[in-house]
Amino acid sequence: RETVKVYNLVEEKLVMKLMAQVKWISSIAIHPSGDHCLIGSYDRRVAWFDLDLSNSPYKTLKYHERAVRSVTFHNKYPLMASAADDGKIHIFHTAVYSDLTRNPLIVPLKVLKGHKASGEVGATSVIFHPKQPWVFSGGADGVINAYHDLH
């Protein structure tokens, strides 16, 4: 299975190996807190890691019908998104708590159907606006979409 290696750049040494338990890693996103990350994969899954908890996924999300191309967290709002070759953008409410005894909350919010597959490739990228609850997606169909007021 695929791994992600986490290094301490100051000491130039390996700190942790994340065992993604997916095939063909496509993308990675770091939560603004720095303690959580998402790994998207071409086998239709998104793995959520709590970096303080384990080197195995806290949760594996299987919402897409085709390969996941891009994952992202919002910098300000408790939101995450994934984009895939099925042409869909999945939006989730994701609360991360400073209390280490509380697990992160992940709730599906919306499915945005904004891209048509071109060959085998659909939605290729997703990114949030840095301050607003807006998401932007790009696809192999040559279209860039902007979605406003997601919360």
Protein backbone atom coordinates (compact mmCIF):
# COMPACT_ATOMS: atom_id res chain seq x y z
CA ARG A 1 0.00 0.00 0.00
CA GLU A 2 0.97 3.61 -0.52
CA THR A 3 2.73 5.64 2.16
CA VAL A 4 3.37 9.30 2.84
CA LYS A 5 6.63 10.12 4.59
CA VAL A 6 6.68 13.03 7.05
CA TYR A 7 10.09 14.61 7.67
CA ASN A 8 11.48 17.07 10.20
CA LEU A 9 13.31 19.41 7.82
CA VAL A 10 15.40 21.06 10.56
CA GLU A 11 16.80 17.76 11.79
CA GLU A 12 16.62 16.16 8.32
CA LYS A 13 15.07 12.96 9.61
CA LEU A 14 11.98 10.87 9.06
CA VAL A 15 9.33 11.51 11.75
CA MET A 16 6.39 9.37 10.60
CA LYS A 17 5.17 7.16 7.76
CA LEU A 18 1.46 7.48 7.05
CA MET A 19 0.07 4.15 5.88
CA ALA A 20 -2.63 5.43 3.54
CA GLN A 21 -4.21 2.03 2.84
CA VAL A 22 -5.15 3.25 -0.64
CA LYS A 23 -3.71 2.66 -4.09
CA TRP A 24 -2.30 5.39 -6.29
CA ILE A 25 -2.20 8.53 -4.14
CA SER A 26 -3.35 11.54 -6.17
CA SER A 27 -3.42 14.47 -3.74
CA ILE A 28 -2.86 15.64 -0.19
CA ALA A 29 -4.21 18.51 1.92
CA ILE A 30 -3.15 19.70 5.36
CA HIS A 31 -5.76 21.03 7.79
CA PRO A 32 -5.12 24.64 8.97
CA SER A 33 -4.44 23.28 12.49
CA GLY A 34 -1.57 21.20 11.05
CA ASP A 35 -2.71 18.12 13.00
CA HIS A 36 -4.87 16.50 10.31
CA CYS A 37 -4.48 15.67 6.64
CA LEU A 38 -6.43 14.24 3.73
CA ILE A 39 -5.07 11.90 1.10
CA GLY A 40 -7.00 11.45 -2.14
CA SER A 41 -6.50 8.38 -4.30
CA TYR A 42 -7.25 7.05 -7.75
CA ASP A 43 -9.08 4.11 -6.14
CA ARG A 44 -12.02 6.45 -5.29
CA ARG A 45 -11.15 6.98 -1.62
CA VAL A 46 -10.19 9.85 0.66
CA ALA A 47 -8.21 8.95 3.78
CA TRP A 48 -8.43 11.28 6.80
CA PHE A 49 -5.46 11.22 9.19
CA ASP A 50 -5.27 12.56 12.72
CA LEU A 51 -1.50 13.01 12.85
CA ASP A 52 -1.45 13.06 16.66
CA LEU A 53 -3.39 9.82 16.88
CA SER A 54 -1.98 7.29 14.43
CA ASN A 55 -0.12 6.62 11.21
CA SER A 56 -3.23 4.79 9.91
CA PRO A 57 -6.32 6.62 8.64
CA TYR A 58 -8.77 7.84 11.26
CA LYS A 59 -11.48 7.46 8.62
CA THR A 60 -11.65 6.43 4.97
CA LEU A 61 -14.37 8.10 2.92
CA LYS A 62 -15.83 6.31 -0.11
CA TYR A 63 -18.22 8.74 -1.75
CA HIS A 64 -16.93 8.99 -5.31
CA GLU A 65 -17.67 6.64 -8.19
CA ARG A 66 -14.36 7.27 -9.95
CA ALA A 67 -10.78 8.37 -9.16
CA VAL A 68 -10.32 11.23 -6.67
CA ARG A 69 -8.11 13.91 -8.23
CA SER A 70 -8.03 16.67 -5.59
CA VAL A 71 -8.77 17.25 -1.88
CA THR A 72 -8.74 20.46 0.14
CA PHE A 73 -9.62 22.03 3.50
CA HIS A 74 -10.99 25.54 3.96
CA ASN A 75 -8.64 27.82 5.93
CA LYS A 76 -11.39 29.53 7.93
CA TYR A 77 -14.62 27.49 7.80
CA PRO A 78 -15.07 23.86 8.93
CA LEU A 79 -15.28 22.59 5.36
CA MET A 80 -13.43 20.11 3.16
CA ALA A 81 -13.95 19.12 -0.46
CA SER A 82 -12.97 16.40 -2.89
CA ALA A 83 -13.08 16.37 -6.70
CA ALA A 84 -13.15 13.25 -8.84
CA ASP A 85 -13.38 11.81 -12.32
CA ASP A 86 -17.12 11.22 -11.81
CA GLY A 87 -17.38 15.01 -12.37
CA LYS A 88 -18.61 15.62 -8.82
CA ILE A 89 -17.36 17.85 -6.03
CA HIS A 90 -18.26 16.55 -2.55
CA ILE A 91 -18.45 19.13 0.24
CA PHE A 92 -18.21 18.04 3.89
CA HIS A 93 -18.63 19.83 7.21
CA THR A 94 -15.49 18.93 9.18
CA ALA A 95 -15.10 20.06 12.77
CA VAL A 96 -11.70 19.52 14.37
CA TYR A 97 -11.59 20.03 18.12
CA SER A 98 -8.71 21.23 20.29
CA ASP A 99 -9.89 18.76 22.96
CA LEU A 100 -7.92 15.62 22.07
CA THR A 101 -10.59 13.37 23.60
CA ARG A 102 -13.09 14.42 20.89
CA ASN A 103 -12.85 12.84 17.46
CA PRO A 104 -13.18 15.02 14.36
CA LEU A 105 -16.70 15.38 12.99
CA ILE A 106 -17.18 14.66 9.28
CA VAL A 107 -20.65 15.23 7.81
CA PRO A 108 -21.51 15.15 4.07
CA LEU A 109 -23.14 18.47 3.07
CA LYS A 110 -23.51 18.77 -0.69
CA VAL A 111 -22.68 17.07 -3.96
CA LEU A 112 -21.95 19.53 -6.76
CA LYS A 113 -22.32 18.11 -10.27
CA GLY A 114 -20.40 20.66 -12.29
CA HIS A 115 -18.21 18.75 -14.72
CA LYS A 116 -18.70 16.37 -17.60
CA ALA A 117 -16.10 13.67 -18.07
CA SER A 118 -13.80 14.17 -21.02
CA GLY A 119 -12.69 10.65 -21.82
CA GLU A 120 -11.95 9.12 -18.44
CA VAL A 121 -11.22 12.40 -16.62
CA GLY A 122 -13.81 14.60 -14.87
CA ALA A 123 -13.24 17.17 -12.11
CA THR A 124 -9.48 17.61 -11.74
CA SER A 125 -9.09 20.26 -9.04
CA VAL A 126 -10.91 21.91 -6.17
CA ILE A 127 -9.90 24.85 -3.98
CA PHE A 128 -11.64 27.06 -1.43
CA HIS A 129 -11.60 30.85 -1.35
CA PRO A 130 -9.26 31.87 1.50
CA LYS A 131 -11.89 33.88 3.42
CA GLN A 132 -15.34 33.14 2.01
CA PRO A 133 -17.36 29.88 2.02
CA TRP A 134 -16.86 29.55 -1.73
CA VAL A 135 -15.33 26.70 -3.67
CA PHE A 136 -13.84 26.66 -7.17
CA SER A 137 -13.45 23.57 -9.33
CA GLY A 138 -11.74 22.83 -12.61
CA GLY A 139 -12.29 19.93 -14.94
CA ALA A 140 -11.09 18.16 -18.05
CA ASP A 141 -14.14 19.61 -19.82
CA GLY A 142 -12.32 22.97 -19.83
CA VAL A 143 -14.74 24.54 -17.35
CA ILE A 144 -13.97 26.35 -14.10
CA ASN A 145 -16.92 26.63 -11.71
CA ALA A 146 -17.42 28.94 -8.73
CA TYR A 147 -19.89 27.93 -6.03
CA HIS A 148 -20.87 30.57 -3.46
CA ASP A 149 -22.27 30.38 0.08
CA LEU A 150 -21.82 26.71 0.82
CA HIS A 151 -22.68 26.84 4.51
